[in-house]
Amino acid sequence: MTGANSGVGLETTRQLVRQGGHVVLACRRTDAAEEAARSFSGLKGSHEVMRLDLADLQSVRDFVAEFTANHDRLDGLACNAGLVSMGKGP
């Protein structure tokens, strides 16, 4: 789940963990994600925090490498991060 450390992403993640899922919080600010994830204490499922900066291609590559090294499958992907891209004008 990108954007999982606040707002809709955090609440969606909380609900998935509550229902017994294992959710990866893929966030640029892992400290904020760890703090947000404290609210999952006592819920049925599990979670982990991994660093992912969607504005940095190397960060994306590193995330994919780490994820595939540690997980056998991906059951779902929620791209919830708020992104702003300012391309060069004409």
N, C-alpha and C. Protein backbone atom coordinates (compact mmCIF):
# COMPACT_ATOMS: atom_id res chain seq x y z
N MET A 1 0.85 -1.17 0.00
CA MET A 1 0.00 0.00 0.00
C MET A 1 0.90 1.23 0.00
N THR A 2 0.85 1.99 -1.06
CA THR A 2 1.55 3.27 -1.05
C THR A 2 0.68 4.29 -0.34
N GLY A 3 1.31 5.29 0.23
CA GLY A 3 0.55 6.32 0.95
C GLY A 3 -0.13 5.79 2.20
N ALA A 4 0.46 4.77 2.81
CA ALA A 4 -0.19 4.08 3.93
C ALA A 4 0.05 4.73 5.29
N ASN A 5 0.78 5.82 5.33
CA ASN A 5 1.08 6.39 6.65
C ASN A 5 0.09 7.47 7.09
N SER A 6 -0.93 7.76 6.27
CA SER A 6 -1.93 8.74 6.69
C SER A 6 -3.18 8.62 5.82
N GLY A 7 -4.24 9.24 6.29
CA GLY A 7 -5.47 9.38 5.50
C GLY A 7 -6.09 8.08 5.04
N VAL A 8 -6.55 8.08 3.80
CA VAL A 8 -7.24 6.93 3.22
C VAL A 8 -6.33 5.70 3.20
N GLY A 9 -5.06 5.90 2.87
CA GLY A 9 -4.13 4.77 2.84
C GLY A 9 -3.97 4.11 4.19
N LEU A 10 -3.86 4.91 5.23
CA LEU A 10 -3.73 4.37 6.58
C LEU A 10 -4.98 3.62 6.99
N GLU A 11 -6.13 4.19 6.75
CA GLU A 11 -7.38 3.52 7.15
C GLU A 11 -7.61 2.25 6.33
N THR A 12 -7.30 2.27 5.05
CA THR A 12 -7.44 1.07 4.23
C THR A 12 -6.51 -0.02 4.73
N THR A 13 -5.28 0.36 5.04
CA THR A 13 -4.32 -0.60 5.58
C THR A 13 -4.81 -1.17 6.90
N ARG A 14 -5.30 -0.32 7.78
CA ARG A 14 -5.82 -0.77 9.07
C ARG A 14 -6.93 -1.80 8.88
N GLN A 15 -7.84 -1.54 7.95
CA GLN A 15 -8.95 -2.46 7.72
C GLN A 15 -8.46 -3.80 7.17
N LEU A 16 -7.47 -3.78 6.29
CA LEU A 16 -6.92 -5.03 5.75
C LEU A 16 -6.22 -5.83 6.83
N VAL A 17 -5.46 -5.16 7.69
CA VAL A 17 -4.79 -5.84 8.80
C VAL A 17 -5.84 -6.38 9.77
N ARG A 18 -6.87 -5.60 10.04
CA ARG A 18 -7.95 -6.03 10.94
C ARG A 18 -8.60 -7.32 10.43
N GLN A 19 -8.71 -7.46 9.12
CA GLN A 19 -9.34 -8.64 8.52
C GLN A 19 -8.37 -9.82 8.38
N GLY A 20 -7.14 -9.65 8.84
CA GLY A 20 -6.19 -10.76 8.84
C GLY A 20 -5.16 -10.74 7.75
N GLY A 21 -5.12 -9.68 6.97
CA GLY A 21 -4.15 -9.60 5.89
C GLY A 21 -2.77 -9.21 6.37
N HIS A 22 -1.80 -9.48 5.51
CA HIS A 22 -0.44 -8.98 5.72
C HIS A 22 -0.25 -7.84 4.73
N VAL A 23 0.03 -6.65 5.23
CA VAL A 23 0.11 -5.46 4.38
C VAL A 23 1.51 -4.85 4.50
N VAL A 24 2.08 -4.53 3.35
CA VAL A 24 3.34 -3.81 3.30
C VAL A 24 3.02 -2.33 3.17
N LEU A 25 3.46 -1.54 4.13
CA LEU A 25 3.31 -0.09 4.06
C LEU A 25 4.52 0.42 3.28
N ALA A 26 4.31 0.79 2.03
CA ALA A 26 5.38 1.26 1.15
C ALA A 26 5.39 2.78 1.19
N CYS A 27 6.31 3.34 1.97
CA CYS A 27 6.28 4.77 2.25
C CYS A 27 7.66 5.41 2.13
N ARG A 28 7.66 6.64 1.70
CA ARG A 28 8.89 7.42 1.61
C ARG A 28 9.45 7.70 3.00
N ARG A 29 8.57 8.04 3.91
CA ARG A 29 8.98 8.35 5.29
C ARG A 29 8.66 7.16 6.19
N THR A 30 9.64 6.27 6.33
CA THR A 30 9.40 5.06 7.11
C THR A 30 9.15 5.36 8.59
N ASP A 31 9.72 6.44 9.10
CA ASP A 31 9.46 6.79 10.50
C ASP A 31 7.99 7.11 10.72
N ALA A 32 7.38 7.83 9.79
CA ALA A 32 5.96 8.15 9.88
C ALA A 32 5.11 6.89 9.72
N ALA A 33 5.54 5.99 8.86
CA ALA A 33 4.80 4.74 8.66
C ALA A 33 4.86 3.87 9.91
N GLU A 34 6.04 3.79 10.53
CA GLU A 34 6.17 3.01 11.77
C GLU A 34 5.27 3.59 12.87
N GLU A 35 5.25 4.90 12.97
CA GLU A 35 4.40 5.54 13.97
C GLU A 35 2.92 5.27 13.69
N ALA A 36 2.51 5.39 12.44
CA ALA A 36 1.12 5.13 12.07
C ALA A 36 0.75 3.68 12.34
N ALA A 37 1.67 2.77 12.10
CA ALA A 37 1.40 1.34 12.24
C ALA A 37 1.21 0.92 13.70
N ARG A 38 1.60 1.76 14.63
CA ARG A 38 1.37 1.43 16.04
C ARG A 38 -0.11 1.24 16.32
N SER A 39 -0.95 1.86 15.52
CA SER A 39 -2.40 1.73 15.72
C SER A 39 -2.91 0.34 15.32
N PHE A 40 -2.05 -0.50 14.74
CA PHE A 40 -2.46 -1.84 14.33
C PHE A 40 -2.27 -2.86 15.45
N SER A 41 -1.73 -2.44 16.57
CA SER A 41 -1.46 -3.34 17.68
C SER A 41 -2.74 -4.07 18.09
N GLY A 42 -2.63 -5.37 18.21
CA GLY A 42 -3.77 -6.17 18.64
C GLY A 42 -4.70 -6.61 17.52
N LEU A 43 -4.44 -6.16 16.30
CA LEU A 43 -5.29 -6.57 15.18
C LEU A 43 -4.89 -7.96 14.70
N LYS A 44 -5.78 -8.60 13.96
CA LYS A 44 -5.63 -9.99 13.56
C LYS A 44 -4.46 -10.23 12.60
N GLY A 45 -4.22 -9.33 11.68
CA GLY A 45 -3.21 -9.54 10.64
C GLY A 45 -1.84 -9.03 11.03
N SER A 46 -1.03 -8.80 10.01
CA SER A 46 0.33 -8.35 10.24
C SER A 46 0.70 -7.28 9.21
N HIS A 47 1.82 -6.65 9.46
CA HIS A 47 2.25 -5.59 8.55
C HIS A 47 3.76 -5.46 8.61
N GLU A 48 4.30 -4.79 7.63
CA GLU A 48 5.71 -4.41 7.65
C GLU A 48 5.85 -3.09 6.91
N VAL A 49 6.90 -2.38 7.22
CA VAL A 49 7.17 -1.09 6.58
C VAL A 49 8.38 -1.25 5.68
N MET A 50 8.25 -0.77 4.46
CA MET A 50 9.37 -0.76 3.52
C MET A 50 9.46 0.62 2.90
N ARG A 51 10.69 1.07 2.65
CA ARG A 51 10.89 2.39 2.06
C ARG A 51 10.62 2.35 0.57
N LEU A 52 9.85 3.34 0.10
CA LEU A 52 9.57 3.50 -1.33
C LEU A 52 9.31 4.96 -1.62
N ASP A 53 10.14 5.54 -2.45
CA ASP A 53 9.96 6.91 -2.91
C ASP A 53 9.61 6.83 -4.39
N LEU A 54 8.36 7.04 -4.72
CA LEU A 54 7.90 6.88 -6.10
C LEU A 54 8.47 7.92 -7.05
N ALA A 55 9.07 8.96 -6.53
CA ALA A 55 9.69 9.98 -7.37
C ALA A 55 11.14 9.63 -7.71
N ASP A 56 11.62 8.51 -7.19
CA ASP A 56 13.01 8.09 -7.37
C ASP A 56 13.04 6.69 -7.97
N LEU A 57 13.42 6.58 -9.24
CA LEU A 57 13.41 5.29 -9.93
C LEU A 57 14.27 4.25 -9.22
N GLN A 58 15.41 4.65 -8.68
CA GLN A 58 16.26 3.68 -7.97
C GLN A 58 15.57 3.17 -6.71
N SER A 59 14.82 4.03 -6.04
CA SER A 59 14.06 3.60 -4.87
C SER A 59 13.01 2.57 -5.26
N VAL A 60 12.36 2.77 -6.39
CA VAL A 60 11.37 1.81 -6.88
C VAL A 60 12.05 0.47 -7.17
N ARG A 61 13.18 0.52 -7.84
CA ARG A 61 13.92 -0.72 -8.16
C ARG A 61 14.35 -1.44 -6.88
N ASP A 62 14.84 -0.68 -5.92
CA ASP A 62 15.27 -1.28 -4.65
C ASP A 62 14.10 -1.91 -3.92
N PHE A 63 12.96 -1.24 -3.94
CA PHE A 63 11.76 -1.78 -3.29
C PHE A 63 11.35 -3.10 -3.93
N VAL A 64 11.30 -3.13 -5.25
CA VAL A 64 10.91 -4.36 -5.96
C VAL A 64 11.88 -5.49 -5.63
N ALA A 65 13.18 -5.20 -5.63
CA ALA A 65 14.17 -6.23 -5.33
C ALA A 65 13.99 -6.77 -3.91
N GLU A 66 13.78 -5.88 -2.95
CA GLU A 66 13.59 -6.31 -1.56
C GLU A 66 12.29 -7.08 -1.40
N PHE A 67 11.23 -6.59 -2.03
CA PHE A 67 9.93 -7.26 -1.92
C PHE A 67 10.00 -8.67 -2.49
N THR A 68 10.53 -8.81 -3.69
CA THR A 68 10.57 -10.13 -4.33
C THR A 68 11.52 -11.09 -3.61
N ALA A 69 12.53 -10.56 -2.94
CA ALA A 69 13.43 -11.41 -2.17
C ALA A 69 12.76 -11.95 -0.90
N ASN A 70 11.79 -11.23 -0.38
CA ASN A 70 11.17 -11.59 0.90
C ASN A 70 9.76 -12.13 0.82
N HIS A 71 9.15 -12.09 -0.36
CA HIS A 71 7.76 -12.52 -0.50
C HIS A 71 7.60 -13.43 -1.71
N ASP A 72 6.77 -14.46 -1.55
CA ASP A 72 6.53 -15.41 -2.63
C ASP A 72 5.49 -14.93 -3.62
N ARG A 73 4.62 -14.03 -3.18
CA ARG A 73 3.54 -13.59 -4.08
C ARG A 73 3.03 -12.22 -3.67
N LEU A 74 2.29 -11.63 -4.57
CA LEU A 74 1.61 -10.35 -4.34
C LEU A 74 0.15 -10.58 -4.66
N ASP A 75 -0.72 -10.44 -3.67
CA ASP A 75 -2.14 -10.68 -3.87
C ASP A 75 -2.90 -9.44 -4.30
N GLY A 76 -2.37 -8.28 -3.99
CA GLY A 76 -3.05 -7.04 -4.37
C GLY A 76 -2.09 -5.88 -4.26
N LEU A 77 -2.39 -4.82 -4.98
CA LEU A 77 -1.55 -3.63 -4.96
C LEU A 77 -2.46 -2.42 -4.94
N ALA A 78 -2.29 -1.56 -3.96
CA ALA A 78 -3.08 -0.34 -3.87
C ALA A 78 -2.14 0.85 -3.99
N CYS A 79 -2.26 1.55 -5.07
CA CYS A 79 -1.42 2.73 -5.32
C CYS A 79 -2.19 3.95 -4.83
N ASN A 80 -1.94 4.32 -3.60
CA ASN A 80 -2.71 5.35 -2.93
C ASN A 80 -1.90 6.62 -2.67
N ALA A 81 -0.63 6.62 -3.03
CA ALA A 81 0.23 7.78 -2.74
C ALA A 81 -0.22 8.99 -3.55
N GLY A 82 -0.17 10.14 -2.92
CA GLY A 82 -0.46 11.38 -3.62
C GLY A 82 0.80 11.85 -4.33
N LEU A 83 0.73 11.99 -5.63
CA LEU A 83 1.89 12.40 -6.42
C LEU A 83 1.56 13.64 -7.22
N VAL A 84 2.55 14.48 -7.36
CA VAL A 84 2.43 15.65 -8.23
C VAL A 84 3.63 15.62 -9.15
N SER A 85 3.38 15.66 -10.43
CA SER A 85 4.47 15.67 -11.40
C SER A 85 4.37 16.94 -12.22
N MET A 86 5.43 17.69 -12.21
CA MET A 86 5.46 18.94 -12.96
C MET A 86 6.41 18.77 -14.13
N GLY A 87 5.86 18.43 -15.27
CA GLY A 87 6.68 18.28 -16.46
C GLY A 87 7.04 19.63 -17.05
N LYS A 88 8.00 19.62 -17.93
CA LYS A 88 8.39 20.85 -18.61
C LYS A 88 7.33 21.22 -19.63
N GLY A 89 6.99 22.47 -19.67
CA GLY A 89 5.98 22.95 -20.62
C GLY A 89 6.53 23.05 -22.03
N PRO A 90 5.67 23.43 -22.96
CA PRO A 90 6.11 23.53 -24.36
C PRO A 90 7.14 24.62 -24.57
